[in-house]
Amino acid sequence: MQSELSQALSDLVKELSDRNLRYAVIGGVAMSMRGRVRATEDVDLIIDGNREEAMELFASLPTEIFGSLVSDTASVVQAARILPLKHLKTQVGLDLAIGESGLEQQILARATDVAVGSYAFRVATAEDLILMKLLAGRAKDLDDVNALAKSKGKSLDWNYCIATARQLDEALATDLAQTLEHIQAQLPS
């Protein structure tokens, strides 16, 4: 992980830990920590809480270390359920997804520690990253899904992935489970 990303993440995790807030690293940084190294310019996390608690967190962060990425933070928090921060020393963006949904709570509960240098960060599991990337559905996300599936192969909990994808399919009228079954079928035996 690039030193700027590591520093920004470390400073943020210290603040979250000091406040006993559960979090999970997601996005490109998490993909790199789970075995799919790729370039990224920001850090994405899920934080436990609701929109009001996210605004309380924002108000309590040290202003010499963190600022907002946008001029109207409250509007973004309310509309997008994202707290968009900037680590001022490194200028790294930090997008904190507010973990209000059942899937986000599940991801937070399943996250595990991953050591990076002298730090340990709570990181979404490979299975949950795959599900999140499938939900996002962009070309680069699908590339990430395929690469992570190939690198983890049979060690992935495919039953969990497919069962959760079926629940998401029912709730969102998607076809994630079918996509996952196709990806799994393409893996070498």
C-alpha atoms as a PDB file:
ATOM      1  CA  MET A   1       0.000   0.000   0.000  1.00  0.00           C
ATOM      2  CA  GLN A   2       1.303   3.454  -0.862  1.00  0.00           C
ATOM      3  CA  SER A   3       2.679   5.368   2.114  1.00  0.00           C
ATOM      4  CA  GLU A   4       0.171   8.226   1.681  1.00  0.00           C
ATOM      5  CA  LEU A   5      -2.769   5.821   1.700  1.00  0.00           C
ATOM      6  CA  SER A   6      -1.317   3.973   4.679  1.00  0.00           C
ATOM      7  CA  GLN A   7      -0.794   7.174   6.645  1.00  0.00           C
ATOM      8  CA  ALA A   8      -4.289   8.485   5.904  1.00  0.00           C
ATOM      9  CA  LEU A   9      -5.857   5.138   6.798  1.00  0.00           C
ATOM     10  CA  SER A  10      -3.777   4.809   9.977  1.00  0.00           C
ATOM     11  CA  ASP A  11      -4.750   8.291  11.169  1.00  0.00           C
ATOM     12  CA  LEU A  12      -8.422   7.621  10.475  1.00  0.00           C
ATOM     13  CA  VAL A  13      -8.404   4.199  12.124  1.00  0.00           C
ATOM     14  CA  LYS A  14      -6.813   5.734  15.229  1.00  0.00           C
ATOM     15  CA  GLU A  15      -9.700   8.211  15.444  1.00  0.00           C
ATOM     16  CA  LEU A  16     -12.309   5.501  14.886  1.00  0.00           C
ATOM     17  CA  SER A  17     -10.671   3.211  17.452  1.00  0.00           C
ATOM     18  CA  ASP A  18     -10.479   6.034  20.001  1.00  0.00           C
ATOM     19  CA  ARG A  19     -14.262   6.391  19.614  1.00  0.00           C
ATOM     20  CA  ASN A  20     -14.887   2.602  19.674  1.00  0.00           C
ATOM     21  CA  LEU A  21     -16.453   2.760  16.203  1.00  0.00           C
ATOM     22  CA  ARG A  22     -16.566  -0.433  14.166  1.00  0.00           C
ATOM     23  CA  TYR A  23     -15.261  -0.080  10.634  1.00  0.00           C
ATOM     24  CA  ALA A  24     -14.213  -2.204   7.678  1.00  0.00           C
ATOM     25  CA  VAL A  25     -11.852  -1.211   4.899  1.00  0.00           C
ATOM     26  CA  ILE A  26     -13.465  -1.805   1.499  1.00  0.00           C
ATOM     27  CA  GLY A  27     -12.739  -0.754  -2.089  1.00  0.00           C
ATOM     28  CA  GLY A  28      -9.383  -0.817  -3.850  1.00  0.00           C
ATOM     29  CA  VAL A  29      -7.293  -0.749  -0.675  1.00  0.00           C
ATOM     30  CA  ALA A  30      -9.166  -3.764   0.702  1.00  0.00           C
ATOM     31  CA  MET A  31      -8.796  -5.554  -2.617  1.00  0.00           C
ATOM     32  CA  SER A  32      -5.027  -5.052  -2.383  1.00  0.00           C
ATOM     33  CA  MET A  33      -4.989  -6.329   1.200  1.00  0.00           C
ATOM     34  CA  ARG A  34      -6.962  -9.424   0.156  1.00  0.00           C
ATOM     35  CA  GLY A  35      -4.741 -10.342  -2.766  1.00  0.00           C
ATOM     36  CA  ARG A  36      -5.850  -8.284  -5.779  1.00  0.00           C
ATOM     37  CA  VAL A  37      -3.201  -5.566  -5.929  1.00  0.00           C
ATOM     38  CA  ARG A  38      -4.354  -2.603  -7.951  1.00  0.00           C
ATOM     39  CA  ALA A  39      -3.855   1.127  -8.039  1.00  0.00           C
ATOM     40  CA  THR A  40      -6.215   3.350  -6.104  1.00  0.00           C
ATOM     41  CA  GLU A  41      -6.092   6.973  -5.039  1.00  0.00           C
ATOM     42  CA  ASP A  42      -8.498   6.958  -2.104  1.00  0.00           C
ATOM     43  CA  VAL A  43      -9.548   4.870   0.874  1.00  0.00           C
ATOM     44  CA  ASP A  44     -13.063   3.495   1.265  1.00  0.00           C
ATOM     45  CA  LEU A  45     -14.508   2.232   4.531  1.00  0.00           C
ATOM     46  CA  ILE A  46     -17.820   1.273   6.047  1.00  0.00           C
ATOM     47  CA  ILE A  47     -18.430   2.743   9.487  1.00  0.00           C
ATOM     48  CA  ASP A  48     -21.002   1.556  11.981  1.00  0.00           C
ATOM     49  CA  GLY A  49     -23.742   4.039  12.696  1.00  0.00           C
ATOM     50  CA  ASN A  50     -26.368   6.242  11.161  1.00  0.00           C
ATOM     51  CA  ARG A  51     -26.264   9.614   9.401  1.00  0.00           C
ATOM     52  CA  GLU A  52     -26.582  11.627  12.593  1.00  0.00           C
ATOM     53  CA  GLU A  53     -23.726   9.702  14.188  1.00  0.00           C
ATOM     54  CA  ALA A  54     -21.627  10.235  11.046  1.00  0.00           C
ATOM     55  CA  MET A  55     -22.127  14.000  11.348  1.00  0.00           C
ATOM     56  CA  GLU A  56     -21.191  13.802  15.046  1.00  0.00           C
ATOM     57  CA  LEU A  57     -18.019  11.954  14.058  1.00  0.00           C
ATOM     58  CA  PHE A  58     -17.237  14.607  11.428  1.00  0.00           C
ATOM     59  CA  ALA A  59     -17.691  17.401  13.980  1.00  0.00           C
ATOM     60  CA  SER A  60     -15.397  15.653  16.473  1.00  0.00           C
ATOM     61  CA  LEU A  61     -12.477  14.879  14.134  1.00  0.00           C
ATOM     62  CA  PRO A  62      -9.337  16.999  14.561  1.00  0.00           C
ATOM     63  CA  THR A  63      -9.536  19.767  11.951  1.00  0.00           C
ATOM     64  CA  GLU A  64      -5.755  19.886  11.600  1.00  0.00           C
ATOM     65  CA  ILE A  65      -5.803  16.287  10.299  1.00  0.00           C
ATOM     66  CA  PHE A  66      -9.146  15.893   8.488  1.00  0.00           C
ATOM     67  CA  GLY A  67     -11.351  18.103   6.355  1.00  0.00           C
ATOM     68  CA  SER A  68     -14.291  17.566   4.048  1.00  0.00           C
ATOM     69  CA  LEU A  69     -13.991  16.717   0.362  1.00  0.00           C
ATOM     70  CA  VAL A  70     -17.132  18.737  -0.380  1.00  0.00           C
ATOM     71  CA  SER A  71     -18.546  22.105   0.581  1.00  0.00           C
ATOM     72  CA  ASP A  72     -21.821  20.733   1.999  1.00  0.00           C
ATOM     73  CA  THR A  73     -20.930  17.596   3.946  1.00  0.00           C
ATOM     74  CA  ALA A  74     -24.344  17.297   5.587  1.00  0.00           C
ATOM     75  CA  SER A  75     -26.141  17.134   2.223  1.00  0.00           C
ATOM     76  CA  VAL A  76     -23.852  14.361   0.960  1.00  0.00           C
ATOM     77  CA  VAL A  77     -24.255  12.416   4.202  1.00  0.00           C
ATOM     78  CA  GLN A  78     -28.045  12.695   3.988  1.00  0.00           C
ATOM     79  CA  ALA A  79     -28.392  11.958   0.282  1.00  0.00           C
ATOM     80  CA  ALA A  80     -25.618   9.436  -0.373  1.00  0.00           C
ATOM     81  CA  ARG A  81     -24.962   7.954   3.084  1.00  0.00           C
ATOM     82  CA  ILE A  82     -21.252   8.745   2.568  1.00  0.00           C
ATOM     83  CA  LEU A  83     -19.064  10.908   4.804  1.00  0.00           C
ATOM     84  CA  PRO A  84     -16.509  12.336   2.333  1.00  0.00           C
ATOM     85  CA  LEU A  85     -13.285  13.273   4.124  1.00  0.00           C
ATOM     86  CA  LYS A  86      -9.825  14.424   3.122  1.00  0.00           C
ATOM     87  CA  HIS A  87      -6.640  13.641   5.019  1.00  0.00           C
ATOM     88  CA  LEU A  88      -5.052  17.087   4.956  1.00  0.00           C
ATOM     89  CA  LYS A  89      -1.376  16.109   5.168  1.00  0.00           C
ATOM     90  CA  THR A  90      -1.496  13.630   2.290  1.00  0.00           C
ATOM     91  CA  GLN A  91      -4.568  14.984   0.431  1.00  0.00           C
ATOM     92  CA  VAL A  92      -5.906  11.413   0.286  1.00  0.00           C
ATOM     93  CA  GLY A  93      -9.676  11.118  -0.005  1.00  0.00           C
ATOM     94  CA  LEU A  94     -11.459   9.004   2.597  1.00  0.00           C
ATOM     95  CA  ASP A  95     -14.992   7.896   1.745  1.00  0.00           C
ATOM     96  CA  LEU A  96     -16.818   6.544   4.791  1.00  0.00           C
ATOM     97  CA  ALA A  97     -19.973   4.641   3.845  1.00  0.00           C
ATOM     98  CA  ILE A  98     -22.490   4.822   6.649  1.00  0.00           C
ATOM     99  CA  GLY A  99     -23.352   1.255   7.614  1.00  0.00           C
ATOM    100  CA  GLU A 100     -27.115   1.467   7.960  1.00  0.00           C
ATOM    101  CA  SER A 101     -28.116  -1.474   5.763  1.00  0.00           C
ATOM    102  CA  GLY A 102     -28.240  -5.114   6.716  1.00  0.00           C
ATOM    103  CA  LEU A 103     -25.522  -5.990   4.198  1.00  0.00           C
ATOM    104  CA  GLU A 104     -23.217  -3.302   5.571  1.00  0.00           C
ATOM    105  CA  GLN A 105     -23.805  -4.531   9.117  1.00  0.00           C
ATOM    106  CA  GLN A 106     -23.017  -8.072   7.958  1.00  0.00           C
ATOM    107  CA  ILE A 107     -19.790  -6.864   6.333  1.00  0.00           C
ATOM    108  CA  LEU A 108     -18.775  -5.052   9.526  1.00  0.00           C
ATOM    109  CA  ALA A 109     -19.465  -8.163  11.620  1.00  0.00           C
ATOM    110  CA  ARG A 110     -17.502 -10.459   9.277  1.00  0.00           C
ATOM    111  CA  ALA A 111     -14.458  -8.173   8.765  1.00  0.00           C
ATOM    112  CA  THR A 112     -11.130  -9.538   9.970  1.00  0.00           C
ATOM    113  CA  ASP A 113      -7.801  -8.007  10.909  1.00  0.00           C
ATOM    114  CA  VAL A 114      -5.168  -7.729   8.198  1.00  0.00           C
ATOM    115  CA  ALA A 115      -1.626  -6.692   9.120  1.00  0.00           C
ATOM    116  CA  VAL A 116       0.062  -4.086   6.944  1.00  0.00           C
ATOM    117  CA  GLY A 117       3.512  -3.243   8.234  1.00  0.00           C
ATOM    118  CA  SER A 118       3.168  -2.433  11.917  1.00  0.00           C
ATOM    119  CA  TYR A 119      -0.576  -1.780  11.661  1.00  0.00           C
ATOM    120  CA  ALA A 120      -3.595  -4.067  11.711  1.00  0.00           C
ATOM    121  CA  PHE A 121      -6.769  -2.945   9.967  1.00  0.00           C
ATOM    122  CA  ARG A 122     -10.283  -4.412   9.950  1.00  0.00           C
ATOM    123  CA  VAL A 123     -10.880  -5.412   6.340  1.00  0.00           C
ATOM    124  CA  ALA A 124     -13.971  -6.773   4.623  1.00  0.00           C
ATOM    125  CA  THR A 125     -13.636 -10.448   3.748  1.00  0.00           C
ATOM    126  CA  ALA A 126     -12.846 -11.476   0.186  1.00  0.00           C
ATOM    127  CA  GLU A 127     -16.383 -12.851  -0.119  1.00  0.00           C
ATOM    128  CA  ASP A 128     -17.954  -9.568   0.965  1.00  0.00           C
ATOM    129  CA  LEU A 129     -15.687  -7.595  -1.355  1.00  0.00           C
ATOM    130  CA  ILE A 130     -16.840  -9.795  -4.225  1.00  0.00           C
ATOM    131  CA  LEU A 131     -20.475  -9.146  -3.353  1.00  0.00           C
ATOM    132  CA  MET A 132     -19.933  -5.399  -3.052  1.00  0.00           C
ATOM    133  CA  LYS A 133     -18.060  -5.267  -6.343  1.00  0.00           C
ATOM    134  CA  LEU A 134     -20.825  -7.245  -8.072  1.00  0.00           C
ATOM    135  CA  LEU A 135     -23.394  -4.806  -6.710  1.00  0.00           C
ATOM    136  CA  ALA A 136     -21.393  -1.839  -8.026  1.00  0.00           C
ATOM    137  CA  GLY A 137     -21.328  -3.506 -11.430  1.00  0.00           C
ATOM    138  CA  ARG A 138     -18.796  -1.273 -13.188  1.00  0.00           C
ATOM    139  CA  ALA A 139     -16.321  -2.867 -15.595  1.00  0.00           C
ATOM    140  CA  LYS A 140     -13.392  -2.374 -13.191  1.00  0.00           C
ATOM    141  CA  ASP A 141     -15.455  -3.886 -10.364  1.00  0.00           C
ATOM    142  CA  LEU A 142     -16.203  -6.980 -12.441  1.00  0.00           C
ATOM    143  CA  ASP A 143     -12.496  -7.231 -13.280  1.00  0.00           C
ATOM    144  CA  ASP A 144     -11.778  -7.122  -9.534  1.00  0.00           C
ATOM    145  CA  VAL A 145     -14.369  -9.856  -8.876  1.00  0.00           C
ATOM    146  CA  ASN A 146     -12.861 -12.154 -11.484  1.00  0.00           C
ATOM    147  CA  ALA A 147      -9.286 -11.528 -10.342  1.00  0.00           C
ATOM    148  CA  LEU A 148     -10.095 -12.043  -6.660  1.00  0.00           C
ATOM    149  CA  ALA A 149     -12.092 -15.181  -7.444  1.00  0.00           C
ATOM    150  CA  LYS A 150      -9.166 -16.576  -9.439  1.00  0.00           C
ATOM    151  CA  SER A 151      -6.602 -15.710  -6.759  1.00  0.00           C
ATOM    152  CA  LYS A 152      -8.696 -17.162  -3.910  1.00  0.00           C
ATOM    153  CA  GLY A 153     -10.315 -19.950  -5.933  1.00  0.00           C
ATOM    154  CA  LYS A 154     -11.768 -22.808  -3.941  1.00  0.00           C
ATOM    155  CA  SER A 155     -10.743 -21.219  -0.626  1.00  0.00           C
ATOM    156  CA  LEU A 156     -13.623 -18.734  -0.982  1.00  0.00           C
ATOM    157  CA  ASP A 157     -16.817 -19.552   0.873  1.00  0.00           C
ATOM    158  CA  TRP A 158     -18.856 -19.908  -2.296  1.00  0.00           C
ATOM    159  CA  ASN A 159     -21.925 -21.097  -0.369  1.00  0.00           C
ATOM    160  CA  TYR A 160     -21.975 -17.827   1.583  1.00  0.00           C
ATOM    161  CA  CYS A 161     -21.398 -15.770  -1.572  1.00  0.00           C
ATOM    162  CA  ILE A 162     -24.159 -17.430  -3.557  1.00  0.00           C
ATOM    163  CA  ALA A 163     -26.664 -17.522  -0.681  1.00  0.00           C
ATOM    164  CA  THR A 164     -26.102 -13.823   0.051  1.00  0.00           C
ATOM    165  CA  ALA A 165     -26.273 -13.011  -3.663  1.00  0.00           C
ATOM    166  CA  ARG A 166     -29.653 -14.791  -3.854  1.00  0.00           C
ATOM    167  CA  GLN A 167     -30.942 -12.675  -0.965  1.00  0.00           C
ATOM    168  CA  LEU A 168     -29.734  -9.546  -2.753  1.00  0.00           C
ATOM    169  CA  ASP A 169     -31.325 -10.774  -5.995  1.00  0.00           C
ATOM    170  CA  GLU A 170     -34.693 -11.063  -4.237  1.00  0.00           C
ATOM    171  CA  ALA A 171     -34.411  -7.646  -2.619  1.00  0.00           C
ATOM    172  CA  LEU A 172     -32.999  -5.762  -5.601  1.00  0.00           C
ATOM    173  CA  ALA A 173     -34.218  -7.734  -8.633  1.00  0.00           C
ATOM    174  CA  THR A 174     -30.659  -8.488  -9.783  1.00  0.00           C
ATOM    175  CA  ASP A 175     -28.960 -11.629 -11.069  1.00  0.00           C
ATOM    176  CA  LEU A 176     -25.843 -11.653  -8.881  1.00  0.00           C
ATOM    177  CA  ALA A 177     -26.139 -15.332  -7.924  1.00  0.00           C
ATOM    178  CA  GLN A 178     -26.165 -16.401 -11.566  1.00  0.00           C
ATOM    179  CA  THR A 179     -23.079 -14.262 -12.239  1.00  0.00           C
ATOM    180  CA  LEU A 180     -21.273 -15.798  -9.257  1.00  0.00           C
ATOM    181  CA  GLU A 181     -22.192 -19.325 -10.288  1.00  0.00           C
ATOM    182  CA  HIS A 182     -20.769 -18.624 -13.743  1.00  0.00           C
ATOM    183  CA  ILE A 183     -17.528 -17.229 -12.247  1.00  0.00           C
ATOM    184  CA  GLN A 184     -17.220 -20.236  -9.928  1.00  0.00           C
ATOM    185  CA  ALA A 185     -17.780 -22.654 -12.810  1.00  0.00           C
ATOM    186  CA  GLN A 186     -14.900 -21.043 -14.742  1.00  0.00           C
ATOM    187  CA  LEU A 187     -12.384 -21.704 -11.969  1.00  0.00           C
ATOM    188  CA  PRO A 188      -9.892 -24.537 -12.436  1.00  0.00           C
ATOM    189  CA  SER A 189     -10.763 -27.697 -10.506  1.00  0.00           C
END
